[in-house]
C-alpha atoms as a PDB file:
ATOM      1  CA  UNK A   1      90.177 120.322  74.105  1.00  0.00           C
ATOM      2  CA  UNK A   2      92.003 119.257  77.247  1.00  0.00           C
ATOM      3  CA  UNK A   3      91.934 115.539  77.923  1.00  0.00           C
ATOM      4  CA  UNK A   4      90.506 114.090  81.105  1.00  0.00           C
ATOM      5  CA  UNK A   5      92.628 114.235  84.248  1.00  0.00           C
ATOM      6  CA  UNK A   6      93.395 110.532  83.954  1.00  0.00           C
ATOM      7  CA  UNK A   7      94.399 110.689  80.297  1.00  0.00           C
ATOM      8  CA  UNK A   8      96.703 113.584  81.134  1.00  0.00           C
ATOM      9  CA  UNK A   9      98.270 111.639  84.020  1.00  0.00           C
ATOM     10  CA  UNK A  10      98.907 108.405  82.132  1.00  0.00           C
ATOM     11  CA  UNK A  11      99.841 110.216  78.939  1.00  0.00           C
ATOM     12  CA  UNK A  12     102.933 111.607  80.611  1.00  0.00           C
ATOM     13  CA  UNK A  13     104.343 108.230  81.679  1.00  0.00           C
ATOM     14  CA  UNK A  14     107.116 106.733  79.546  1.00  0.00           C
ATOM     15  CA  UNK A  15     107.705 103.572  81.591  1.00  0.00           C
ATOM     16  CA  UNK A  16     104.527 101.932  82.817  1.00  0.00           C
ATOM     17  CA  UNK A  17     106.419  99.248  84.728  1.00  0.00           C
ATOM     18  CA  UNK A  18     107.600 101.777  87.324  1.00  0.00           C
ATOM     19  CA  UNK A  19     105.752 101.950  90.671  1.00  0.00           C
ATOM     20  CA  UNK A  20     102.924 104.477  90.603  1.00  0.00           C
ATOM     21  CA  UNK A  21     101.380 103.919  94.027  1.00  0.00           C
ATOM     22  CA  UNK A  22     102.712 102.067  97.039  1.00  0.00           C
ATOM     23  CA  UNK A  23     100.175 101.746  99.840  1.00  0.00           C
ATOM     24  CA  UNK A  24     101.170 100.985 103.422  1.00  0.00           C
ATOM     25  CA  UNK A  25      98.894 100.452 106.392  1.00  0.00           C
ATOM     26  CA  UNK A  26     100.935 100.328 109.567  1.00  0.00           C
ATOM     27  CA  UNK A  27      97.919  99.116 111.560  1.00  0.00           C
ATOM     28  CA  UNK A  28      97.647  95.905 109.522  1.00  0.00           C
ATOM     29  CA  UNK A  29     101.118  95.509 108.049  1.00  0.00           C
ATOM     30  CA  UNK A  30      99.806  95.739 104.503  1.00  0.00           C
ATOM     31  CA  UNK A  31     102.068  96.850 101.684  1.00  0.00           C
ATOM     32  CA  UNK A  32     100.517  96.909  98.217  1.00  0.00           C
ATOM     33  CA  UNK A  33     102.365  98.290  95.217  1.00  0.00           C
ATOM     34  CA  UNK A  34     100.778  99.155  91.881  1.00  0.00           C
ATOM     35  CA  UNK A  35     102.793  99.901  88.774  1.00  0.00           C
ATOM     36  CA  UNK A  36     101.562 102.568  86.395  1.00  0.00           C
ATOM     37  CA  UNK A  37     100.235  99.753  84.199  1.00  0.00           C
ATOM     38  CA  UNK A  38      98.337  98.081  87.041  1.00  0.00           C
ATOM     39  CA  UNK A  39      96.902 101.360  88.288  1.00  0.00           C
ATOM     40  CA  UNK A  40      95.774 102.117  84.736  1.00  0.00           C
ATOM     41  CA  UNK A  41      94.092  98.699  84.557  1.00  0.00           C
ATOM     42  CA  UNK A  42      92.082  99.371  87.711  1.00  0.00           C
ATOM     43  CA  UNK A  43      91.159 102.832  86.452  1.00  0.00           C
ATOM     44  CA  UNK A  44      90.112 101.406  83.071  1.00  0.00           C
ATOM     45  CA  UNK A  45      87.947  98.729  84.668  1.00  0.00           C
ATOM     46  CA  UNK A  46      86.270 101.378  86.817  1.00  0.00           C
ATOM     47  CA  UNK A  47      85.679 103.619  83.811  1.00  0.00           C
ATOM     48  CA  UNK A  48      84.145 100.722  81.858  1.00  0.00           C
ATOM     49  CA  UNK A  49      81.896  99.930  84.821  1.00  0.00           C
ATOM     50  CA  UNK A  50      80.634 103.499  84.845  1.00  0.00           C
ATOM     51  CA  UNK A  51      80.255 103.941  81.079  1.00  0.00           C
ATOM     52  CA  UNK A  52      79.196 100.481  79.904  1.00  0.00           C
ATOM     53  CA  UNK A  53      77.188  99.282  82.890  1.00  0.00           C
ATOM     54  CA  UNK A  54      75.966 102.364  84.734  1.00  0.00           C
ATOM     55  CA  UNK A  55      75.609 104.306  81.426  1.00  0.00           C
ATOM     56  CA  UNK A  56      77.276 107.389  82.861  1.00  0.00           C
ATOM     57  CA  UNK A  57      77.640 110.386  80.551  1.00  0.00           C
ATOM     58  CA  UNK A  58      80.516 112.922  80.613  1.00  0.00           C
ATOM     59  CA  UNK A  59      79.756 115.567  83.227  1.00  0.00           C
ATOM     60  CA  UNK A  60      77.590 113.305  85.393  1.00  0.00           C
ATOM     61  CA  UNK A  61      78.225 113.419  89.135  1.00  0.00           C
ATOM     62  CA  UNK A  62      79.786 110.488  90.967  1.00  0.00           C
ATOM     63  CA  UNK A  63      80.084 110.563  94.748  1.00  0.00           C
ATOM     64  CA  UNK A  64      83.370 109.209  96.100  1.00  0.00           C
ATOM     65  CA  UNK A  65      83.211 108.874  99.878  1.00  0.00           C
ATOM     66  CA  UNK A  66      86.250 106.749 100.620  1.00  0.00           C
ATOM     67  CA  UNK A  67      89.413 106.904 102.716  1.00  0.00           C
ATOM     68  CA  UNK A  68      92.871 106.961 101.181  1.00  0.00           C
ATOM     69  CA  UNK A  69      93.553 103.523  99.672  1.00  0.00           C
ATOM     70  CA  UNK A  70      94.933 101.985  96.498  1.00  0.00           C
ATOM     71  CA  UNK A  71      91.363 101.026  95.492  1.00  0.00           C
ATOM     72  CA  UNK A  72      90.299 104.639  96.004  1.00  0.00           C
ATOM     73  CA  UNK A  73      93.064 105.674  93.612  1.00  0.00           C
ATOM     74  CA  UNK A  74      91.737 103.356  90.918  1.00  0.00           C
ATOM     75  CA  UNK A  75      88.188 104.577  91.499  1.00  0.00           C
ATOM     76  CA  UNK A  76      89.087 108.271  91.332  1.00  0.00           C
ATOM     77  CA  UNK A  77      91.134 107.858  88.167  1.00  0.00           C
ATOM     78  CA  UNK A  78      88.407 105.698  86.648  1.00  0.00           C
ATOM     79  CA  UNK A  79      85.760 108.321  87.378  1.00  0.00           C
ATOM     80  CA  UNK A  80      87.811 111.058  85.739  1.00  0.00           C
ATOM     81  CA  UNK A  81      88.670 108.828  82.780  1.00  0.00           C
ATOM     82  CA  UNK A  82      84.955 108.304  82.192  1.00  0.00           C
ATOM     83  CA  UNK A  83      84.459 112.083  82.201  1.00  0.00           C
ATOM     84  CA  UNK A  84      82.614 112.170  85.524  1.00  0.00           C
ATOM     85  CA  UNK A  85      82.683 114.980  88.035  1.00  0.00           C
ATOM     86  CA  UNK A  86      83.783 113.580  91.380  1.00  0.00           C
ATOM     87  CA  UNK A  87      81.861 114.822  94.365  1.00  0.00           C
ATOM     88  CA  UNK A  88      83.277 114.288  97.838  1.00  0.00           C
ATOM     89  CA  UNK A  89      81.279 113.612 100.967  1.00  0.00           C
ATOM     90  CA  UNK A  90      81.268 117.340 101.690  1.00  0.00           C
ATOM     91  CA  UNK A  91      79.176 117.982  98.571  1.00  0.00           C
ATOM     92  CA  UNK A  92      77.208 114.744  98.321  1.00  0.00           C
ATOM     93  CA  UNK A  93      74.180 116.150 100.143  1.00  0.00           C
ATOM     94  CA  UNK A  94      74.238 119.416  98.197  1.00  0.00           C
ATOM     95  CA  UNK A  95      74.037 117.981  94.683  1.00  0.00           C
ATOM     96  CA  UNK A  96      71.312 115.392  95.247  1.00  0.00           C
ATOM     97  CA  UNK A  97      71.438 114.011  91.693  1.00  0.00           C
ATOM     98  CA  UNK A  98      74.284 111.497  91.705  1.00  0.00           C
ATOM     99  CA  UNK A  99      73.044 108.204  90.308  1.00  0.00           C
ATOM    100  CA  UNK A 100      76.177 106.356  91.388  1.00  0.00           C
ATOM    101  CA  UNK A 101      78.519 106.552  94.333  1.00  0.00           C
ATOM    102  CA  UNK A 102      81.436 104.692  95.908  1.00  0.00           C
ATOM    103  CA  UNK A 103      81.816 104.288  99.643  1.00  0.00           C
ATOM    104  CA  UNK A 104      83.020 101.820 102.268  1.00  0.00           C
ATOM    105  CA  UNK A 105      81.017  99.408 104.402  1.00  0.00           C
ATOM    106  CA  UNK A 106      80.841 101.811 107.316  1.00  0.00           C
ATOM    107  CA  UNK A 107      79.201 104.636 105.346  1.00  0.00           C
ATOM    108  CA  UNK A 108      76.511 102.806 103.402  1.00  0.00           C
ATOM    109  CA  UNK A 109      73.735 104.408 105.446  1.00  0.00           C
ATOM    110  CA  UNK A 110      75.118 107.881 104.780  1.00  0.00           C
ATOM    111  CA  UNK A 111      73.995 107.729 101.124  1.00  0.00           C
ATOM    112  CA  UNK A 112      70.333 106.636 101.032  1.00  0.00           C
ATOM    113  CA  UNK A 113      69.533 108.688  97.908  1.00  0.00           C
ATOM    114  CA  UNK A 114      72.198 107.277  95.604  1.00  0.00           C
ATOM    115  CA  UNK A 115      70.574 104.915  93.123  1.00  0.00           C
ATOM    116  CA  UNK A 116      73.630 102.721  92.511  1.00  0.00           C
ATOM    117  CA  UNK A 117      75.804 102.569  95.628  1.00  0.00           C
ATOM    118  CA  UNK A 118      79.021 100.578  95.273  1.00  0.00           C
ATOM    119  CA  UNK A 119      81.091  99.491  98.268  1.00  0.00           C
ATOM    120  CA  UNK A 120      84.863  99.182  97.963  1.00  0.00           C
ATOM    121  CA  UNK A 121      86.223  96.338 100.136  1.00  0.00           C
ATOM    122  CA  UNK A 122      89.488  98.167 100.959  1.00  0.00           C
ATOM    123  CA  UNK A 123      91.357  94.939 101.638  1.00  0.00           C
ATOM    124  CA  UNK A 124      94.623  93.827  99.991  1.00  0.00           C
ATOM    125  CA  UNK A 125      92.912  91.476  97.529  1.00  0.00           C
ATOM    126  CA  UNK A 126      89.638  93.344  96.853  1.00  0.00           C
ATOM    127  CA  UNK A 127      87.670  90.394  98.208  1.00  0.00           C
ATOM    128  CA  UNK A 128      83.853  90.683  98.170  1.00  0.00           C
ATOM    129  CA  UNK A 129      82.212  92.570 101.028  1.00  0.00           C
ATOM    130  CA  UNK A 130      79.747  90.246 102.789  1.00  0.00           C
ATOM    131  CA  UNK A 131      76.323  91.141 104.114  1.00  0.00           C
ATOM    132  CA  UNK A 132      75.567  94.188 101.993  1.00  0.00           C
ATOM    133  CA  UNK A 133      71.961  95.409 102.099  1.00  0.00           C
ATOM    134  CA  UNK A 134      69.680  95.078  99.055  1.00  0.00           C
ATOM    135  CA  UNK A 135      70.498  97.566  96.316  1.00  0.00           C
ATOM    136  CA  UNK A 136      74.114  97.966  97.402  1.00  0.00           C
ATOM    137  CA  UNK A 137      76.804  96.170  95.412  1.00  0.00           C
ATOM    138  CA  UNK A 138      80.425  95.141  95.820  1.00  0.00           C
ATOM    139  CA  UNK A 139      83.080  97.005  93.829  1.00  0.00           C
ATOM    140  CA  UNK A 140      85.492  94.096  93.475  1.00  0.00           C
ATOM    141  CA  UNK A 141      82.829  91.767  92.127  1.00  0.00           C
ATOM    142  CA  UNK A 142      81.450  94.252  89.611  1.00  0.00           C
ATOM    143  CA  UNK A 143      84.694  95.727  88.339  1.00  0.00           C
ATOM    144  CA  UNK A 144      86.642  92.530  87.643  1.00  0.00           C
ATOM    145  CA  UNK A 145      84.577  91.540  84.593  1.00  0.00           C
ATOM    146  CA  UNK A 146      85.380  94.751  82.732  1.00  0.00           C
ATOM    147  CA  UNK A 147      88.208  95.409  80.298  1.00  0.00           C
ATOM    148  CA  UNK A 148      91.522  96.811  81.432  1.00  0.00           C
ATOM    149  CA  UNK A 149      92.001  99.176  78.485  1.00  0.00           C
ATOM    150  CA  UNK A 150      89.923 102.324  78.045  1.00  0.00           C
ATOM    151  CA  UNK A 151      89.704 105.154  75.544  1.00  0.00           C
ATOM    152  CA  UNK A 152      87.914 107.911  77.406  1.00  0.00           C
ATOM    153  CA  UNK A 153      86.095 110.986  76.143  1.00  0.00           C
ATOM    154  CA  UNK A 154      87.917 114.265  75.536  1.00  0.00           C
ATOM    155  CA  UNK A 155      86.073 115.935  78.365  1.00  0.00           C
ATOM    156  CA  UNK A 156      87.375 119.059  80.046  1.00  0.00           C
ATOM    157  CA  UNK A 157      84.359 120.130  82.050  1.00  0.00           C
ATOM    158  CA  UNK A 158      83.680 119.740  85.765  1.00  0.00           C
ATOM    159  CA  UNK A 159      86.055 117.338  87.464  1.00  0.00           C
ATOM    160  CA  UNK A 160      86.023 117.775  91.243  1.00  0.00           C
ATOM    161  CA  UNK A 161      83.523 119.550  93.463  1.00  0.00           C
ATOM    162  CA  UNK A 162      82.869 122.302  90.914  1.00  0.00           C
ATOM    163  CA  UNK A 163      86.440 122.707  89.657  1.00  0.00           C
ATOM    164  CA  UNK A 164      87.184 122.055  86.002  1.00  0.00           C
ATOM    165  CA  UNK A 165      89.706 119.605  84.621  1.00  0.00           C
ATOM    166  CA  UNK A 166      92.079 122.425  83.705  1.00  0.00           C
ATOM    167  CA  UNK A 167      91.751 124.022  87.144  1.00  0.00           C
ATOM    168  CA  UNK A 168      92.442 120.725  88.905  1.00  0.00           C
ATOM    169  CA  UNK A 169      95.467 119.883  86.752  1.00  0.00           C
ATOM    170  CA  UNK A 170      96.912 123.385  87.105  1.00  0.00           C
ATOM    171  CA  UNK A 171      96.486 123.226  90.889  1.00  0.00           C
ATOM    172  CA  UNK A 172      98.055 119.755  91.039  1.00  0.00           C
ATOM    173  CA  UNK A 173     101.072 120.914  89.017  1.00  0.00           C
ATOM    174  CA  UNK A 174     101.456 123.950  91.266  1.00  0.00           C
ATOM    175  CA  UNK A 175     101.292 121.795  94.395  1.00  0.00           C
ATOM    176  CA  UNK A 176     103.908 119.419  92.982  1.00  0.00           C
ATOM    177  CA  UNK A 177     106.217 122.297  92.133  1.00  0.00           C
ATOM    178  CA  UNK A 178     105.759 123.848  95.573  1.00  0.00           C
ATOM    179  CA  UNK A 179     106.623 120.567  97.283  1.00  0.00           C
ATOM    180  CA  UNK A 180     109.705 119.969  95.153  1.00  0.00           C
ATOM    181  CA  UNK A 181     108.241 116.936  93.397  1.00  0.00           C
ATOM    182  CA  UNK A 182     110.002 116.124  90.130  1.00  0.00           C
ATOM    183  CA  UNK A 183     109.071 113.833  87.213  1.00  0.00           C
ATOM    184  CA  UNK A 184     110.127 110.257  87.820  1.00  0.00           C
ATOM    185  CA  UNK A 185     110.718 110.854  91.515  1.00  0.00           C
ATOM    186  CA  UNK A 186     109.074 109.244  94.520  1.00  0.00           C
ATOM    187  CA  UNK A 187     107.060 110.957  97.249  1.00  0.00           C
ATOM    188  CA  UNK A 188     106.352 109.430 100.662  1.00  0.00           C
ATOM    189  CA  UNK A 189     103.311 110.993 102.303  1.00  0.00           C
ATOM    190  CA  UNK A 190     100.991 110.611 105.239  1.00  0.00           C
ATOM    191  CA  UNK A 191      98.851 113.598 104.211  1.00  0.00           C
ATOM    192  CA  UNK A 192      95.136 113.053 103.636  1.00  0.00           C
ATOM    193  CA  UNK A 193      93.510 112.851 100.212  1.00  0.00           C
ATOM    194  CA  UNK A 194      89.907 112.094 101.131  1.00  0.00           C
ATOM    195  CA  UNK A 195      88.907 115.756 100.746  1.00  0.00           C
ATOM    196  CA  UNK A 196      88.803 117.626  97.447  1.00  0.00           C
ATOM    197  CA  UNK A 197      91.804 119.742  98.435  1.00  0.00           C
ATOM    198  CA  UNK A 198      93.740 116.662  99.510  1.00  0.00           C
ATOM    199  CA  UNK A 199      92.926 114.829  96.285  1.00  0.00           C
ATOM    200  CA  UNK A 200      94.544 117.654  94.339  1.00  0.00           C
ATOM    201  CA  UNK A 201      97.476 118.583  96.586  1.00  0.00           C
ATOM    202  CA  UNK A 202      98.434 115.205  98.046  1.00  0.00           C
ATOM    203  CA  UNK A 203      97.238 112.586  95.517  1.00  0.00           C
ATOM    204  CA  UNK A 204      97.149 114.124  92.051  1.00  0.00           C
ATOM    205  CA  UNK A 205     100.119 116.439  92.566  1.00  0.00           C
ATOM    206  CA  UNK A 206     102.809 113.741  92.337  1.00  0.00           C
ATOM    207  CA  UNK A 207     100.951 111.646  89.766  1.00  0.00           C
ATOM    208  CA  UNK A 208     100.340 114.648  87.529  1.00  0.00           C
ATOM    209  CA  UNK A 209     104.086 115.138  87.030  1.00  0.00           C
ATOM    210  CA  UNK A 210     104.897 111.439  86.671  1.00  0.00           C
ATOM    211  CA  UNK A 211     106.145 110.871  90.227  1.00  0.00           C
ATOM    212  CA  UNK A 212     105.276 107.791  92.245  1.00  0.00           C
ATOM    213  CA  UNK A 213     103.360 108.114  95.516  1.00  0.00           C
ATOM    214  CA  UNK A 214     104.153 106.078  98.621  1.00  0.00           C
ATOM    215  CA  UNK A 215     101.255 106.650 100.977  1.00  0.00           C
ATOM    216  CA  UNK A 216     101.156 105.473 104.596  1.00  0.00           C
ATOM    217  CA  UNK A 217      97.919 104.904 106.489  1.00  0.00           C
ATOM    218  CA  UNK A 218      98.014 104.872 110.298  1.00  0.00           C
ATOM    219  CA  UNK A 219     101.716 105.810 110.312  1.00  0.00           C
ATOM    220  CA  UNK A 220     103.748 104.359 113.158  1.00  0.00           C
ATOM    221  CA  UNK A 221     106.497 106.783 114.051  1.00  0.00           C
ATOM    222  CA  UNK A 222     109.119 108.477 111.946  1.00  0.00           C
ATOM    223  CA  UNK A 223     109.100 107.678 108.231  1.00  0.00           C
ATOM    224  CA  UNK A 224     112.743 108.434 107.417  1.00  0.00           C
ATOM    225  CA  UNK A 225     113.879 104.805 107.180  1.00  0.00           C
ATOM    226  CA  UNK A 226     110.915 103.891 104.990  1.00  0.00           C
ATOM    227  CA  UNK A 227     111.585 106.870 102.751  1.00  0.00           C
ATOM    228  CA  UNK A 228     115.142 105.629 102.265  1.00  0.00           C
ATOM    229  CA  UNK A 229     113.960 102.088 101.516  1.00  0.00           C
ATOM    230  CA  UNK A 230     111.393 103.340  99.033  1.00  0.00           C
ATOM    231  CA  UNK A 231     113.865 105.828  97.497  1.00  0.00           C
ATOM    232  CA  UNK A 232     111.490 108.693  98.162  1.00  0.00           C
ATOM    233  CA  UNK A 233     113.218 112.023  97.629  1.00  0.00           C
ATOM    234  CA  UNK A 234     110.314 114.016  99.061  1.00  0.00           C
ATOM    235  CA  UNK A 235     108.644 113.261 102.395  1.00  0.00           C
ATOM    236  CA  UNK A 236     105.343 114.969 103.284  1.00  0.00           C
ATOM    237  CA  UNK A 237     103.984 114.371 106.760  1.00  0.00           C
END
């Protein structure tokens, strides 16, 4: 049986000290870099939160309504590691049975039917989000107490908005090949990955072949100099 998306991604990495995700926000000046090991720790903590605390079962739906961010990366990979099927905002209203969801402070009111709504702070240090309404919890506070190692289920069912694990991985590999992304390389991108298509083509594509992703939010001008600094051989804007 095919492993989860996350197990397949991390299983192909031979040096976990290499950068996996470098997040820039040109509007705030933030630069946060996560090694493969650190990204795996965040994913593991998220998976433990879902399995041990929320009691999620493989195949359960989890809504992820978040912008592109390093915390979003950890959440997505944690959901898949736990065997969940990620549902984007586009499908959140259609499914109606997600017991847990992740969103940001500005979209709390968009998910009144989710039983366990978790808000990601989306700041450089994952500091607690103040003033959340009753029944809504803070991701940083809840996830920190969980272990940073995880042995997920061998689940190859639904993974993303109705697509299976195998379909998602195959599409990610195809997108990486089409963009010229090679194992061990670096990709600088400003392309969205909040949608299901973007998650596959612009987020999972490089990770699925062992390439690091440098992603720039609110890009300010040409990215050529940054690509050189970050040793990114592929630039997608």
